[in-house]
């Protein structure tokens, strides 16, 4: 029969072996995850970079909006003047 001391020693050995096995499994999981997910993340990052390169800066959009507003007001003014000239004839 095993006494308390022997059981404690066996328990410590098992704990040590389980800890080593856990470390080994975690290492394998990490390698698997890197080999599976990293290439996909790289592809996503490349796709996002391509999109970002095509985007127009917000300041440029704001400038264009201001320009369009100005041009619209000028067209309205010219149209009003043209209508006034037509009525005057």
N, C-alpha and C. Protein backbone atom coordinates (compact mmCIF):
# COMPACT_ATOMS: atom_id res chain seq x y z
N UNK A 1 0.82 -1.19 0.00
CA UNK A 1 0.00 0.00 0.00
C UNK A 1 0.87 1.25 0.00
N UNK A 2 0.27 2.29 -0.54
CA UNK A 2 0.97 3.55 -0.63
C UNK A 2 0.60 4.42 0.56
N UNK A 3 1.62 5.03 1.12
CA UNK A 3 1.33 5.91 2.25
C UNK A 3 1.16 7.34 1.74
N UNK A 4 0.90 8.25 2.64
CA UNK A 4 0.63 9.65 2.30
C UNK A 4 1.81 10.29 1.56
N UNK A 5 3.00 9.96 1.96
CA UNK A 5 4.21 10.51 1.35
C UNK A 5 4.33 10.06 -0.11
N UNK A 6 4.05 8.79 -0.36
CA UNK A 6 4.11 8.25 -1.71
C UNK A 6 3.03 8.89 -2.60
N UNK A 7 1.85 9.05 -2.05
CA UNK A 7 0.76 9.68 -2.80
C UNK A 7 1.10 11.14 -3.14
N UNK A 8 1.71 11.82 -2.20
CA UNK A 8 2.11 13.20 -2.43
C UNK A 8 3.16 13.27 -3.55
N UNK A 9 4.11 12.37 -3.54
CA UNK A 9 5.16 12.34 -4.56
C UNK A 9 4.56 12.04 -5.94
N UNK A 10 3.66 11.08 -5.98
CA UNK A 10 3.00 10.74 -7.24
C UNK A 10 2.19 11.93 -7.75
N UNK A 11 1.52 12.61 -6.86
CA UNK A 11 0.71 13.78 -7.22
C UNK A 11 1.60 14.88 -7.80
N UNK A 12 2.75 15.10 -7.18
CA UNK A 12 3.67 16.13 -7.66
C UNK A 12 4.23 15.76 -9.04
N UNK A 13 4.55 14.50 -9.22
CA UNK A 13 5.05 14.03 -10.52
C UNK A 13 3.99 14.22 -11.60
N UNK A 14 2.75 13.86 -11.27
CA UNK A 14 1.66 14.00 -12.23
C UNK A 14 1.42 15.48 -12.56
N UNK A 15 1.45 16.32 -11.53
CA UNK A 15 1.27 17.75 -11.75
C UNK A 15 2.36 18.30 -12.67
N UNK A 16 3.59 17.86 -12.42
CA UNK A 16 4.72 18.31 -13.24
C UNK A 16 4.56 17.85 -14.69
N UNK A 17 4.16 16.60 -14.87
CA UNK A 17 3.98 16.08 -16.22
C UNK A 17 2.81 16.77 -16.93
N UNK A 18 1.74 17.02 -16.20
CA UNK A 18 0.59 17.70 -16.79
C UNK A 18 0.94 19.14 -17.17
N UNK A 19 1.73 19.80 -16.34
CA UNK A 19 2.14 21.17 -16.64
C UNK A 19 3.00 21.19 -17.91
N UNK A 20 3.92 20.22 -18.02
CA UNK A 20 4.77 20.14 -19.21
C UNK A 20 3.93 19.84 -20.45
N UNK A 21 2.97 18.96 -20.31
CA UNK A 21 2.09 18.62 -21.43
C UNK A 21 1.25 19.83 -21.84
N UNK A 22 0.77 20.56 -20.85
CA UNK A 22 -0.01 21.76 -21.14
C UNK A 22 0.83 22.77 -21.91
N UNK A 23 2.07 22.98 -21.48
CA UNK A 23 2.96 23.90 -22.18
C UNK A 23 3.18 23.46 -23.62
N UNK A 24 3.38 22.17 -23.83
CA UNK A 24 3.60 21.63 -25.16
C UNK A 24 2.37 21.85 -26.04
N UNK A 25 1.21 21.57 -25.49
CA UNK A 25 -0.04 21.74 -26.24
C UNK A 25 -0.25 23.21 -26.58
N UNK A 26 0.00 24.09 -25.62
CA UNK A 26 -0.18 25.52 -25.88
C UNK A 26 0.78 26.00 -26.96
N UNK A 27 1.99 25.50 -26.97
CA UNK A 27 2.95 25.84 -28.01
C UNK A 27 2.46 25.39 -29.37
N UNK A 28 1.92 24.18 -29.44
CA UNK A 28 1.40 23.65 -30.70
C UNK A 28 0.18 24.44 -31.16
N UNK A 29 -0.67 24.82 -30.24
CA UNK A 29 -1.85 25.62 -30.58
C UNK A 29 -1.41 26.99 -31.12
N UNK A 30 -0.39 27.57 -30.49
CA UNK A 30 0.09 28.87 -30.95
C UNK A 30 0.65 28.77 -32.36
N UNK A 31 1.43 27.73 -32.62
CA UNK A 31 1.98 27.54 -33.97
C UNK A 31 0.86 27.34 -34.98
N UNK A 32 -0.13 26.54 -34.61
CA UNK A 32 -1.27 26.29 -35.50
C UNK A 32 -2.03 27.59 -35.78
N UNK A 33 -2.28 28.36 -34.74
CA UNK A 33 -3.01 29.61 -34.92
C UNK A 33 -2.23 30.58 -35.81
N UNK A 34 -0.93 30.67 -35.59
CA UNK A 34 -0.12 31.56 -36.42
C UNK A 34 -0.13 31.13 -37.88
N UNK A 35 -0.06 29.84 -38.10
CA UNK A 35 -0.03 29.36 -39.49
C UNK A 35 -1.38 29.48 -40.17
N UNK A 36 -2.46 29.42 -39.40
CA UNK A 36 -3.79 29.51 -39.97
C UNK A 36 -4.29 30.95 -40.08
N UNK A 37 -4.11 31.72 -39.02
CA UNK A 37 -4.72 33.04 -38.95
C UNK A 37 -3.84 34.16 -39.47
N UNK A 38 -2.54 34.08 -39.26
CA UNK A 38 -1.66 35.17 -39.66
C UNK A 38 -1.75 35.48 -41.15
N UNK A 39 -1.72 34.47 -42.03
CA UNK A 39 -1.86 34.79 -43.46
C UNK A 39 -3.19 35.48 -43.78
N UNK A 40 -4.25 35.07 -43.11
CA UNK A 40 -5.56 35.68 -43.36
C UNK A 40 -5.58 37.13 -42.85
N UNK A 41 -4.97 37.36 -41.69
CA UNK A 41 -4.88 38.72 -41.18
C UNK A 41 -4.04 39.59 -42.10
N UNK A 42 -2.98 39.02 -42.65
CA UNK A 42 -2.15 39.78 -43.59
C UNK A 42 -2.94 40.17 -44.83
N UNK A 43 -3.75 39.25 -45.34
CA UNK A 43 -4.58 39.55 -46.51
C UNK A 43 -5.60 40.64 -46.19
N UNK A 44 -6.20 40.55 -45.01
CA UNK A 44 -7.15 41.59 -44.61
C UNK A 44 -6.46 42.95 -44.51
N UNK A 45 -5.28 42.97 -43.94
CA UNK A 45 -4.54 44.22 -43.79
C UNK A 45 -4.19 44.79 -45.16
N UNK A 46 -3.80 43.94 -46.10
CA UNK A 46 -3.50 44.40 -47.45
C UNK A 46 -4.74 44.99 -48.12
N UNK A 47 -5.88 44.33 -47.93
CA UNK A 47 -7.13 44.84 -48.49
C UNK A 47 -7.51 46.18 -47.89
N UNK A 48 -7.34 46.30 -46.59
CA UNK A 48 -7.66 47.58 -45.94
C UNK A 48 -6.71 48.68 -46.42
N UNK A 49 -5.44 48.32 -46.61
CA UNK A 49 -4.47 49.31 -47.08
C UNK A 49 -4.85 49.80 -48.48
N UNK A 50 -5.27 48.87 -49.33
CA UNK A 50 -5.68 49.26 -50.68
C UNK A 50 -6.88 50.21 -50.63
N UNK A 51 -7.82 49.93 -49.75
CA UNK A 51 -8.99 50.81 -49.60
C UNK A 51 -8.56 52.18 -49.08
N UNK A 52 -7.70 52.20 -48.07
CA UNK A 52 -7.25 53.47 -47.51
C UNK A 52 -6.49 54.31 -48.54
N UNK A 53 -5.75 53.66 -49.41
CA UNK A 53 -5.01 54.39 -50.43
C UNK A 53 -5.96 55.04 -51.44
N UNK A 54 -7.12 54.45 -51.65
CA UNK A 54 -8.08 54.99 -52.61
C UNK A 54 -8.97 56.07 -52.02
N UNK A 55 -9.05 56.13 -50.70
CA UNK A 55 -9.92 57.11 -50.06
C UNK A 55 -9.38 58.52 -50.25
N UNK A 56 -10.31 59.44 -50.45
CA UNK A 56 -9.96 60.85 -50.57
C UNK A 56 -9.93 61.42 -49.15
N UNK A 57 -8.94 62.24 -48.84
CA UNK A 57 -8.90 62.82 -47.50
C UNK A 57 -10.14 63.66 -47.21
N UNK A 58 -10.56 63.65 -45.97
CA UNK A 58 -11.77 64.37 -45.57
C UNK A 58 -11.66 65.86 -45.89
N UNK A 59 -10.48 66.43 -45.73
CA UNK A 59 -10.32 67.85 -46.02
C UNK A 59 -10.60 68.14 -47.48
N UNK A 60 -10.21 67.23 -48.36
CA UNK A 60 -10.47 67.41 -49.80
C UNK A 60 -11.97 67.36 -50.08
N UNK A 61 -12.67 66.45 -49.43
CA UNK A 61 -14.12 66.34 -49.59
C UNK A 61 -14.79 67.62 -49.09
N UNK A 62 -14.34 68.11 -47.95
CA UNK A 62 -14.92 69.36 -47.42
C UNK A 62 -14.69 70.51 -48.39
N UNK A 63 -13.48 70.59 -48.95
CA UNK A 63 -13.20 71.66 -49.92
C UNK A 63 -14.11 71.55 -51.13
N UNK A 64 -14.30 70.34 -51.62
CA UNK A 64 -15.16 70.15 -52.79
C UNK A 64 -16.61 70.48 -52.47
N UNK A 65 -17.07 70.14 -51.28
CA UNK A 65 -18.44 70.50 -50.89
C UNK A 65 -18.62 72.01 -50.89
N UNK A 66 -17.64 72.70 -50.35
CA UNK A 66 -17.72 74.17 -50.32
C UNK A 66 -17.74 74.72 -51.75
N UNK A 67 -16.91 74.16 -52.59
CA UNK A 67 -16.85 74.62 -53.98
C UNK A 67 -18.17 74.38 -54.70
N UNK A 68 -18.78 73.20 -54.48
CA UNK A 68 -20.06 72.89 -55.11
C UNK A 68 -21.14 73.84 -54.61
N UNK A 69 -21.16 74.14 -53.32
CA UNK A 69 -22.13 75.09 -52.79
C UNK A 69 -21.97 76.45 -53.45
N UNK A 70 -20.73 76.89 -53.59
CA UNK A 70 -20.47 78.18 -54.24
C UNK A 70 -20.95 78.16 -55.69
N UNK A 71 -20.60 77.10 -56.41
CA UNK A 71 -21.01 77.01 -57.81
C UNK A 71 -22.52 76.96 -57.96
N UNK A 72 -23.20 76.25 -57.06
CA UNK A 72 -24.67 76.22 -57.10
C UNK A 72 -25.25 77.61 -56.91
N UNK A 73 -24.69 78.34 -55.96
CA UNK A 73 -25.21 79.69 -55.71
C UNK A 73 -24.96 80.59 -56.92
N UNK A 74 -23.82 80.43 -57.58
CA UNK A 74 -23.53 81.22 -58.78
C UNK A 74 -24.49 80.86 -59.91
N UNK A 75 -24.77 79.58 -60.09
CA UNK A 75 -25.69 79.15 -61.14
C UNK A 75 -27.08 79.71 -60.86
N UNK A 76 -27.52 79.65 -59.61
CA UNK A 76 -28.84 80.21 -59.27
C UNK A 76 -28.88 81.72 -59.57
N UNK A 77 -27.82 82.40 -59.18
CA UNK A 77 -27.77 83.84 -59.42
C UNK A 77 -27.79 84.14 -60.92
N UNK A 78 -27.03 83.41 -61.69
CA UNK A 78 -27.01 83.61 -63.15
C UNK A 78 -28.37 83.29 -63.75
N UNK A 79 -29.01 82.23 -63.24
CA UNK A 79 -30.34 81.88 -63.74
C UNK A 79 -31.34 82.99 -63.41
N UNK A 80 -31.25 83.52 -62.19
CA UNK A 80 -32.15 84.63 -61.82
C UNK A 80 -31.92 85.83 -62.74
N UNK A 81 -30.65 86.13 -63.00
CA UNK A 81 -30.34 87.26 -63.88
C UNK A 81 -30.83 87.00 -65.31
N UNK A 82 -30.67 85.77 -65.78
CA UNK A 82 -31.13 85.42 -67.12
C UNK A 82 -32.64 85.54 -67.21
N UNK A 83 -33.34 85.06 -66.18
CA UNK A 83 -34.80 85.17 -66.17
C UNK A 83 -35.24 86.62 -66.15
N UNK A 84 -34.52 87.43 -65.40
CA UNK A 84 -34.84 88.87 -65.36
C UNK A 84 -34.63 89.50 -66.73
N UNK A 85 -33.56 89.13 -67.40
CA UNK A 85 -33.28 89.67 -68.74
C UNK A 85 -34.35 89.23 -69.74
N UNK A 86 -34.80 87.98 -69.62
CA UNK A 86 -35.85 87.48 -70.52
C UNK A 86 -37.14 88.25 -70.31
N UNK A 87 -37.48 88.55 -69.06
CA UNK A 87 -38.69 89.29 -68.77
C UNK A 87 -38.59 90.73 -69.26
N UNK A 88 -37.40 91.27 -69.23
CA UNK A 88 -37.20 92.67 -69.64
C UNK A 88 -37.34 92.84 -71.15
N UNK A 89 -37.18 91.81 -71.92
CA UNK A 89 -37.26 91.93 -73.39
C UNK A 89 -38.64 92.10 -73.84
